[in-house]
């Protein structure tokens, strides 16, 4: 599901086109960009996802989790 505002077409940077993100997101493209940048720069040791629709953001959290 693409929840970008009507008429807003954003060229996706490479990190948003990552082939590992196969599940649908409920976030708009700018929201995803901010979340992915935060995850990439902060690399949190612990992350808590409360509720998931389709797991779109959770798949990114898992990808950036420290192992």
PDB file of N, CA and C in Angstrom:
ATOM      1  N   UNK A   1       0.841  -1.175   0.000  1.00  0.00           N
ATOM      2  CA  UNK A   1       0.000   0.000   0.000  1.00  0.00           C
ATOM      3  C   UNK A   1       0.883   1.234   0.000  1.00  0.00           C
ATOM      4  N   UNK A   2       0.647   2.154  -0.912  1.00  0.00           N
ATOM      5  CA  UNK A   2       1.394   3.400  -0.969  1.00  0.00           C
ATOM      6  C   UNK A   2       0.523   4.495  -0.395  1.00  0.00           C
ATOM      7  N   UNK A   3       0.941   5.067   0.734  1.00  0.00           N
ATOM      8  CA  UNK A   3       0.130   6.078   1.394  1.00  0.00           C
ATOM      9  C   UNK A   3       0.672   7.490   1.170  1.00  0.00           C
ATOM     10  N   UNK A   4       1.458   7.680   0.101  1.00  0.00           N
ATOM     11  CA  UNK A   4       1.937   9.021  -0.228  1.00  0.00           C
ATOM     12  C   UNK A   4       0.749   9.889  -0.628  1.00  0.00           C
ATOM     13  N   UNK A   5       0.838  11.190  -0.315  1.00  0.00           N
ATOM     14  CA  UNK A   5      -0.247  12.089  -0.715  1.00  0.00           C
ATOM     15  C   UNK A   5      -0.456  12.064  -2.226  1.00  0.00           C
ATOM     16  N   UNK A   6      -1.697  12.252  -2.697  1.00  0.00           N
ATOM     17  CA  UNK A   6      -1.967  12.250  -4.136  1.00  0.00           C
ATOM     18  C   UNK A   6      -1.103  13.291  -4.848  1.00  0.00           C
ATOM     19  N   UNK A   7      -0.581  12.917  -5.986  1.00  0.00           N
ATOM     20  CA  UNK A   7       0.248  13.821  -6.762  1.00  0.00           C
ATOM     21  C   UNK A   7       1.689  13.906  -6.302  1.00  0.00           C
ATOM     22  N   UNK A   8       2.026  13.231  -5.214  1.00  0.00           N
ATOM     23  CA  UNK A   8       3.400  13.264  -4.715  1.00  0.00           C
ATOM     24  C   UNK A   8       4.133  12.020  -5.200  1.00  0.00           C
ATOM     25  N   UNK A   9       5.039  12.221  -6.117  1.00  0.00           N
ATOM     26  CA  UNK A   9       5.820  11.107  -6.639  1.00  0.00           C
ATOM     27  C   UNK A   9       7.272  11.334  -6.260  1.00  0.00           C
ATOM     28  N   UNK A  10       7.765  10.513  -5.366  1.00  0.00           N
ATOM     29  CA  UNK A  10       9.109  10.663  -4.838  1.00  0.00           C
ATOM     30  C   UNK A  10      10.003   9.590  -5.455  1.00  0.00           C
ATOM     31  N   UNK A  11      11.140  10.011  -5.995  1.00  0.00           N
ATOM     32  CA  UNK A  11      12.112   9.042  -6.494  1.00  0.00           C
ATOM     33  C   UNK A  11      12.767   8.381  -5.281  1.00  0.00           C
ATOM     34  N   UNK A  12      12.671   7.078  -5.212  1.00  0.00           N
ATOM     35  CA  UNK A  12      13.172   6.359  -4.048  1.00  0.00           C
ATOM     36  C   UNK A  12      14.683   6.206  -4.085  1.00  0.00           C
ATOM     37  N   UNK A  13      15.352   6.583  -2.983  1.00  0.00           N
ATOM     38  CA  UNK A  13      16.796   6.313  -2.909  1.00  0.00           C
ATOM     39  C   UNK A  13      17.039   4.809  -2.814  1.00  0.00           C
ATOM     40  N   UNK A  14      18.256   4.409  -3.075  1.00  0.00           N
ATOM     41  CA  UNK A  14      18.586   2.978  -3.129  1.00  0.00           C
ATOM     42  C   UNK A  14      18.196   2.233  -1.867  1.00  0.00           C
ATOM     43  N   UNK A  15      18.412   2.840  -0.677  1.00  0.00           N
ATOM     44  CA  UNK A  15      18.120   2.106   0.553  1.00  0.00           C
ATOM     45  C   UNK A  15      16.626   1.848   0.737  1.00  0.00           C
ATOM     46  N   UNK A  16      15.762   2.583   0.035  1.00  0.00           N
ATOM     47  CA  UNK A  16      14.323   2.318   0.104  1.00  0.00           C
ATOM     48  C   UNK A  16      13.887   1.281  -0.917  1.00  0.00           C
ATOM     49  N   UNK A  17      14.744   0.999  -1.885  1.00  0.00           N
ATOM     50  CA  UNK A  17      14.410  -0.001  -2.907  1.00  0.00           C
ATOM     51  C   UNK A  17      15.021  -1.355  -2.571  1.00  0.00           C
ATOM     52  N   UNK A  18      15.540  -1.483  -1.377  1.00  0.00           N
ATOM     53  CA  UNK A  18      16.212  -2.708  -0.949  1.00  0.00           C
ATOM     54  C   UNK A  18      15.293  -3.906  -1.172  1.00  0.00           C
ATOM     55  N   UNK A  19      15.793  -4.925  -1.827  1.00  0.00           N
ATOM     56  CA  UNK A  19      14.967  -6.081  -2.184  1.00  0.00           C
ATOM     57  C   UNK A  19      14.550  -6.925  -0.989  1.00  0.00           C
ATOM     58  N   UNK A  20      15.160  -6.699   0.192  1.00  0.00           N
ATOM     59  CA  UNK A  20      14.766  -7.462   1.366  1.00  0.00           C
ATOM     60  C   UNK A  20      13.431  -6.994   1.946  1.00  0.00           C
ATOM     61  N   UNK A  21      12.973  -5.810   1.551  1.00  0.00           N
ATOM     62  CA  UNK A  21      11.731  -5.276   2.095  1.00  0.00           C
ATOM     63  C   UNK A  21      10.566  -5.679   1.193  1.00  0.00           C
ATOM     64  N   UNK A  22      10.144  -6.911   1.338  1.00  0.00           N
ATOM     65  CA  UNK A  22       9.106  -7.446   0.466  1.00  0.00           C
ATOM     66  C   UNK A  22       7.698  -7.252   1.020  1.00  0.00           C
ATOM     67  N   UNK A  23       7.575  -7.082   2.319  1.00  0.00           N
ATOM     68  CA  UNK A  23       6.257  -6.937   2.934  1.00  0.00           C
ATOM     69  C   UNK A  23       5.736  -5.510   2.751  1.00  0.00           C
ATOM     70  N   UNK A  24       4.415  -5.346   2.647  1.00  0.00           N
ATOM     71  CA  UNK A  24       3.856  -4.000   2.455  1.00  0.00           C
ATOM     72  C   UNK A  24       4.003  -3.132   3.697  1.00  0.00           C
ATOM     73  N   UNK A  25       4.232  -1.846   3.476  1.00  0.00           N
ATOM     74  CA  UNK A  25       4.373  -0.849   4.532  1.00  0.00           C
ATOM     75  C   UNK A  25       3.086  -0.043   4.628  1.00  0.00           C
ATOM     76  N   UNK A  26       2.766   0.417   5.820  1.00  0.00           N
ATOM     77  CA  UNK A  26       1.642   1.327   6.027  1.00  0.00           C
ATOM     78  C   UNK A  26       2.136   2.770   6.121  1.00  0.00           C
ATOM     79  N   UNK A  27       3.448   2.974   5.967  1.00  0.00           N
ATOM     80  CA  UNK A  27       4.050   4.303   6.068  1.00  0.00           C
ATOM     81  C   UNK A  27       4.189   4.930   4.693  1.00  0.00           C
ATOM     82  N   UNK A  28       4.172   6.261   4.676  1.00  0.00           N
ATOM     83  CA  UNK A  28       4.452   6.976   3.435  1.00  0.00           C
ATOM     84  C   UNK A  28       5.948   6.875   3.139  1.00  0.00           C
ATOM     85  N   UNK A  29       6.347   7.211   1.946  1.00  0.00           N
ATOM     86  CA  UNK A  29       7.754   7.154   1.572  1.00  0.00           C
ATOM     87  C   UNK A  29       8.619   8.043   2.467  1.00  0.00           C
ATOM     88  N   UNK A  30       8.227   9.295   2.755  1.00  0.00           N
ATOM     89  CA  UNK A  30       9.053  10.098   3.664  1.00  0.00           C
ATOM     90  C   UNK A  30       9.159   9.497   5.065  1.00  0.00           C
ATOM     91  N   UNK A  31       8.088   8.908   5.565  1.00  0.00           N
ATOM     92  CA  UNK A  31       8.136   8.265   6.886  1.00  0.00           C
ATOM     93  C   UNK A  31       9.106   7.088   6.876  1.00  0.00           C
ATOM     94  N   UNK A  32       9.058   6.294   5.823  1.00  0.00           N
ATOM     95  CA  UNK A  32       9.979   5.159   5.702  1.00  0.00           C
ATOM     96  C   UNK A  32      11.421   5.637   5.647  1.00  0.00           C
ATOM     97  N   UNK A  33      11.661   6.709   4.883  1.00  0.00           N
ATOM     98  CA  UNK A  33      13.016   7.233   4.739  1.00  0.00           C
ATOM     99  C   UNK A  33      13.584   7.650   6.097  1.00  0.00           C
ATOM    100  N   UNK A  34      12.787   8.352   6.889  1.00  0.00           N
ATOM    101  CA  UNK A  34      13.242   8.793   8.204  1.00  0.00           C
ATOM    102  C   UNK A  34      13.515   7.601   9.104  1.00  0.00           C
ATOM    103  N   UNK A  35      12.601   6.645   9.117  1.00  0.00           N
ATOM    104  CA  UNK A  35      12.788   5.482   9.979  1.00  0.00           C
ATOM    105  C   UNK A  35      14.034   4.695   9.581  1.00  0.00           C
ATOM    106  N   UNK A  36      14.238   4.479   8.296  1.00  0.00           N
ATOM    107  CA  UNK A  36      15.403   3.723   7.841  1.00  0.00           C
ATOM    108  C   UNK A  36      16.706   4.465   8.125  1.00  0.00           C
ATOM    109  N   UNK A  37      16.700   5.788   7.983  1.00  0.00           N
ATOM    110  CA  UNK A  37      17.897   6.554   8.310  1.00  0.00           C
ATOM    111  C   UNK A  37      18.211   6.465   9.796  1.00  0.00           C
ATOM    112  N   UNK A  38      17.183   6.549  10.630  1.00  0.00           N
ATOM    113  CA  UNK A  38      17.394   6.420  12.076  1.00  0.00           C
ATOM    114  C   UNK A  38      17.940   5.042  12.440  1.00  0.00           C
ATOM    115  N   UNK A  39      17.345   4.014  11.867  1.00  0.00           N
ATOM    116  CA  UNK A  39      17.807   2.659  12.158  1.00  0.00           C
ATOM    117  C   UNK A  39      19.245   2.456  11.703  1.00  0.00           C
ATOM    118  N   UNK A  40      19.577   2.985  10.529  1.00  0.00           N
ATOM    119  CA  UNK A  40      20.921   2.802   9.993  1.00  0.00           C
ATOM    120  C   UNK A  40      21.965   3.553  10.822  1.00  0.00           C
ATOM    121  N   UNK A  41      21.652   4.750  11.258  1.00  0.00           N
ATOM    122  CA  UNK A  41      22.636   5.540  11.995  1.00  0.00           C
ATOM    123  C   UNK A  41      22.714   5.159  13.465  1.00  0.00           C
ATOM    124  N   UNK A  42      21.604   4.826  14.074  1.00  0.00           N
ATOM    125  CA  UNK A  42      21.584   4.526  15.519  1.00  0.00           C
ATOM    126  C   UNK A  42      21.857   3.070  15.833  1.00  0.00           C
ATOM    127  N   UNK A  43      21.454   2.170  14.966  1.00  0.00           N
ATOM    128  CA  UNK A  43      21.568   0.726  15.179  1.00  0.00           C
ATOM    129  C   UNK A  43      21.232   0.352  16.621  1.00  0.00           C
ATOM    130  N   UNK A  44      19.976   0.486  16.987  1.00  0.00           N
ATOM    131  CA  UNK A  44      19.597   0.219  18.384  1.00  0.00           C
ATOM    132  C   UNK A  44      19.848  -1.238  18.783  1.00  0.00           C
ATOM    133  N   UNK A  45      20.202  -1.405  20.042  1.00  0.00           N
ATOM    134  CA  UNK A  45      20.399  -2.762  20.559  1.00  0.00           C
ATOM    135  C   UNK A  45      19.066  -3.452  20.780  1.00  0.00           C
ATOM    136  N   UNK A  46      18.064  -2.671  21.146  1.00  0.00           N
ATOM    137  CA  UNK A  46      16.741  -3.218  21.424  1.00  0.00           C
ATOM    138  C   UNK A  46      15.708  -2.384  20.688  1.00  0.00           C
ATOM    139  N   UNK A  47      14.765  -3.036  20.075  1.00  0.00           N
ATOM    140  CA  UNK A  47      13.650  -2.345  19.433  1.00  0.00           C
ATOM    141  C   UNK A  47      12.375  -3.105  19.759  1.00  0.00           C
ATOM    142  N   UNK A  48      11.320  -2.378  19.967  1.00  0.00           N
ATOM    143  CA  UNK A  48      10.038  -2.981  20.317  1.00  0.00           C
ATOM    144  C   UNK A  48       8.990  -2.515  19.333  1.00  0.00           C
ATOM    145  N   UNK A  49       8.369  -3.447  18.660  1.00  0.00           N
ATOM    146  CA  UNK A  49       7.293  -3.148  17.715  1.00  0.00           C
ATOM    147  C   UNK A  49       5.993  -3.510  18.409  1.00  0.00           C
ATOM    148  N   UNK A  50       5.122  -2.533  18.552  1.00  0.00           N
ATOM    149  CA  UNK A  50       3.825  -2.777  19.198  1.00  0.00           C
ATOM    150  C   UNK A  50       2.765  -2.766  18.118  1.00  0.00           C
ATOM    151  N   UNK A  51       2.319  -3.935  17.772  1.00  0.00           N
ATOM    152  CA  UNK A  51       1.302  -4.075  16.739  1.00  0.00           C
ATOM    153  C   UNK A  51       1.912  -4.020  15.352  1.00  0.00           C
ATOM    154  N   UNK A  52       1.473  -4.893  14.515  1.00  0.00           N
ATOM    155  CA  UNK A  52       1.909  -4.881  13.122  1.00  0.00           C
ATOM    156  C   UNK A  52       0.700  -5.118  12.246  1.00  0.00           C
ATOM    157  N   UNK A  53       0.707  -4.470  11.110  1.00  0.00           N
ATOM    158  CA  UNK A  53      -0.357  -4.692  10.136  1.00  0.00           C
ATOM    159  C   UNK A  53       0.083  -5.803   9.195  1.00  0.00           C
ATOM    160  N   UNK A  54       1.160  -5.531   8.469  1.00  0.00           N
ATOM    161  CA  UNK A  54       1.693  -6.526   7.539  1.00  0.00           C
ATOM    162  C   UNK A  54       3.162  -6.819   7.788  1.00  0.00           C
ATOM    163  N   UNK A  55       3.760  -6.130   8.767  1.00  0.00           N
ATOM    164  CA  UNK A  55       5.158  -6.376   9.102  1.00  0.00           C
ATOM    165  C   UNK A  55       6.162  -5.568   8.303  1.00  0.00           C
ATOM    166  N   UNK A  56       5.716  -4.561   7.567  1.00  0.00           N
ATOM    167  CA  UNK A  56       6.622  -3.772   6.733  1.00  0.00           C
ATOM    168  C   UNK A  56       7.735  -3.103   7.510  1.00  0.00           C
ATOM    169  N   UNK A  57       7.392  -2.375   8.569  1.00  0.00           N
ATOM    170  CA  UNK A  57       8.435  -1.700   9.348  1.00  0.00           C
ATOM    171  C   UNK A  57       9.227  -2.701  10.182  1.00  0.00           C
ATOM    172  N   UNK A  58       8.591  -3.755  10.618  1.00  0.00           N
ATOM    173  CA  UNK A  58       9.286  -4.761  11.421  1.00  0.00           C
ATOM    174  C   UNK A  58      10.407  -5.422  10.626  1.00  0.00           C
ATOM    175  N   UNK A  59      10.202  -5.645   9.336  1.00  0.00           N
ATOM    176  CA  UNK A  59      11.255  -6.267   8.538  1.00  0.00           C
ATOM    177  C   UNK A  59      12.488  -5.358   8.473  1.00  0.00           C
ATOM    178  N   UNK A  60      12.304  -4.051   8.485  1.00  0.00           N
ATOM    179  CA  UNK A  60      13.441  -3.121   8.483  1.00  0.00           C
ATOM    180  C   UNK A  60      14.111  -3.113   9.856  1.00  0.00           C
ATOM    181  N   UNK A  61      13.328  -3.131  10.920  1.00  0.00           N
ATOM    182  CA  UNK A  61      13.888  -3.151  12.271  1.00  0.00           C
ATOM    183  C   UNK A  61      14.772  -4.378  12.437  1.00  0.00           C
ATOM    184  N   UNK A  62      14.305  -5.500  11.980  1.00  0.00           N
ATOM    185  CA  UNK A  62      15.063  -6.747  12.073  1.00  0.00           C
ATOM    186  C   UNK A  62      16.354  -6.655  11.248  1.00  0.00           C
ATOM    187  N   UNK A  63      16.272  -6.038  10.075  1.00  0.00           N
ATOM    188  CA  UNK A  63      17.453  -5.939   9.201  1.00  0.00           C
ATOM    189  C   UNK A  63      18.567  -5.112   9.828  1.00  0.00           C
ATOM    190  N   UNK A  64      18.208  -4.108  10.633  1.00  0.00           N
ATOM    191  CA  UNK A  64      19.214  -3.231  11.225  1.00  0.00           C
ATOM    192  C   UNK A  64      19.552  -3.589  12.659  1.00  0.00           C
ATOM    193  N   UNK A  65      18.929  -4.609  13.205  1.00  0.00           N
ATOM    194  CA  UNK A  65      19.184  -4.998  14.591  1.00  0.00           C
ATOM    195  C   UNK A  65      20.620  -5.486  14.756  1.00  0.00           C
ATOM    196  N   UNK A  66      21.209  -5.147  15.879  1.00  0.00           N
ATOM    197  CA  UNK A  66      22.550  -5.657  16.183  1.00  0.00           C
ATOM    198  C   UNK A  66      22.451  -7.122  16.529  1.00  0.00           C
ATOM    199  N   UNK A  67      23.393  -7.871  16.073  1.00  0.00           N
ATOM    200  CA  UNK A  67      23.375  -9.310  16.378  1.00  0.00           C
ATOM    201  C   UNK A  67      24.496  -9.671  17.321  1.00  0.00           C
TER     202      UNK A  67
END
